[in-house]
Amino acid sequence: MSMKKVLPFIALVGLLLLSGCGTDMKKILTADGGKWELENKSPTTTYTFFDDETFSRYNSKISDSGTYSYDENNKKLTLDIKNKEQLIMENVEYKDGKLKGEIGGVEGTLIKK
């Protein structure tokens, strides 16, 4: 096989490998029961994410639910809470069991439980 035929093949394989490195946020959110806790928040707030793109949120004062979506291009997690509000976490990064981002300019961290 000539080098001219091999190089495009190598480039294609490289692109496929790189595209497979993207994070699947839905899998991260829902893994191991989907439970997360908001770090340094009193009362402790727990979020549970489900495969059908719904979630529940509860602490000693609230218990509600809604839907979630993740915009991979803009690194943005949107939580639509039924009949209440919309929370948008921007600049989302996942590392070492922690999901970090900003909500309304304030940094927040969800920790995997």
Protein backbone atom coordinates (compact mmCIF):
# COMPACT_ATOMS: atom_id res chain seq x y z
CA MET A 1 0.00 0.00 0.00
CA SER A 2 1.40 3.39 -0.91
CA MET A 3 1.98 6.13 1.65
CA LYS A 4 -0.61 8.34 -0.12
CA LYS A 5 -3.30 5.75 0.67
CA VAL A 6 -2.13 5.09 4.23
CA LEU A 7 -2.02 8.71 5.47
CA PRO A 8 -5.74 9.46 4.96
CA PHE A 9 -6.58 6.19 6.72
CA ILE A 10 -4.35 7.09 9.68
CA ALA A 11 -5.91 10.56 9.84
CA LEU A 12 -9.43 9.06 9.86
CA VAL A 13 -8.55 6.63 12.65
CA GLY A 14 -7.03 9.51 14.64
CA LEU A 15 -10.18 11.61 14.27
CA LEU A 16 -12.36 8.71 15.36
CA LEU A 17 -10.22 8.13 18.43
CA LEU A 18 -10.28 11.81 19.37
CA SER A 19 -14.04 12.09 18.92
CA GLY A 20 -14.45 9.12 21.25
CA CYS A 21 -12.62 10.99 24.01
CA GLY A 22 -15.50 13.41 24.60
CA THR A 23 -17.29 13.07 27.92
CA ASP A 24 -20.79 11.69 27.92
CA MET A 25 -22.25 13.91 30.64
CA LYS A 26 -25.49 11.91 30.87
CA LYS A 27 -23.51 8.77 31.74
CA ILE A 28 -21.46 10.69 34.29
CA LEU A 29 -24.55 12.20 35.93
CA THR A 30 -26.53 8.95 36.11
CA ALA A 31 -23.72 6.49 36.99
CA ASP A 32 -23.96 4.48 40.22
CA GLY A 33 -27.48 5.63 41.07
CA GLY A 34 -27.00 9.23 39.91
CA LYS A 35 -26.70 10.78 43.39
CA TRP A 36 -24.74 14.01 43.86
CA GLU A 37 -24.40 16.40 46.79
CA LEU A 38 -23.85 20.15 46.62
CA GLU A 39 -20.52 20.86 48.35
CA ASN A 40 -20.44 23.21 51.37
CA LYS A 41 -24.19 23.83 51.30
CA SER A 42 -26.31 23.94 54.41
CA PRO A 43 -28.72 22.27 54.53
CA THR A 44 -27.14 19.45 52.49
CA THR A 45 -28.78 19.38 49.06
CA THR A 46 -28.87 16.11 47.12
CA TYR A 47 -29.50 15.83 43.38
CA THR A 48 -30.40 12.51 41.74
CA PHE A 49 -30.11 12.30 37.95
CA PHE A 50 -32.01 9.68 35.92
CA ASP A 51 -31.51 8.20 32.43
CA ASP A 52 -34.72 9.79 31.10
CA GLU A 53 -33.16 13.27 31.58
CA THR A 54 -35.14 14.02 34.73
CA PHE A 55 -33.75 14.74 38.18
CA SER A 56 -34.88 15.23 41.75
CA ARG A 57 -33.52 17.68 44.30
CA TYR A 58 -34.05 17.56 48.03
CA ASN A 59 -32.86 18.82 51.38
CA SER A 60 -34.57 19.50 54.73
CA LYS A 61 -36.46 22.48 53.23
CA ILE A 62 -37.28 21.47 49.64
CA SER A 63 -38.19 18.48 47.55
CA ASP A 64 -38.73 19.04 43.85
CA SER A 65 -37.87 17.69 40.42
CA GLY A 66 -37.48 18.64 36.79
CA THR A 67 -35.54 17.95 33.63
CA TYR A 68 -31.90 18.46 32.74
CA SER A 69 -29.88 18.93 29.57
CA TYR A 70 -26.20 19.35 28.80
CA ASP A 71 -24.74 21.50 26.03
CA GLU A 72 -21.36 19.88 25.25
CA ASN A 73 -20.17 22.75 23.01
CA ASN A 74 -20.75 25.43 25.66
CA LYS A 75 -20.09 23.21 28.71
CA LYS A 76 -23.47 24.18 30.14
CA LEU A 77 -25.75 22.05 32.38
CA THR A 78 -29.34 23.31 32.52
CA LEU A 79 -31.76 22.23 35.25
CA ASP A 80 -35.42 23.11 34.65
CA ILE A 81 -37.20 22.80 37.98
CA LYS A 82 -40.95 22.24 37.56
CA ASN A 83 -43.01 25.38 38.19
CA LYS A 84 -40.08 27.16 39.85
CA GLU A 85 -36.86 28.14 38.20
CA GLN A 86 -34.13 27.31 35.77
CA LEU A 87 -30.59 26.80 37.04
CA ILE A 88 -27.76 27.03 34.52
CA MET A 89 -24.32 25.75 35.50
CA GLU A 90 -21.71 27.17 33.11
CA ASN A 91 -18.06 26.25 32.49
CA VAL A 92 -18.80 22.72 33.69
CA GLU A 93 -15.81 20.46 34.31
CA TYR A 94 -15.82 16.89 35.63
CA LYS A 95 -12.76 15.58 37.45
CA ASP A 96 -12.15 13.10 40.28
CA GLY A 97 -15.83 12.57 41.11
CA LYS A 98 -16.56 16.30 41.22
CA LEU A 99 -18.60 18.39 38.82
CA LYS A 100 -17.55 22.05 39.03
CA GLY A 101 -19.10 25.09 37.42
CA GLU A 102 -20.67 28.51 37.94
CA ILE A 103 -24.30 29.33 38.64
CA GLY A 104 -25.01 33.04 38.33
CA GLY A 105 -21.29 33.80 38.59
CA VAL A 106 -20.92 31.84 41.83
CA GLU A 107 -18.73 28.73 41.79
CA GLY A 108 -20.38 25.50 42.86
CA THR A 109 -19.37 21.87 43.09
CA LEU A 110 -21.44 18.71 42.97
CA ILE A 111 -19.77 15.69 44.58
CA LYS A 112 -20.58 12.13 43.48
CA LYS A 113 -22.22 10.07 46.25
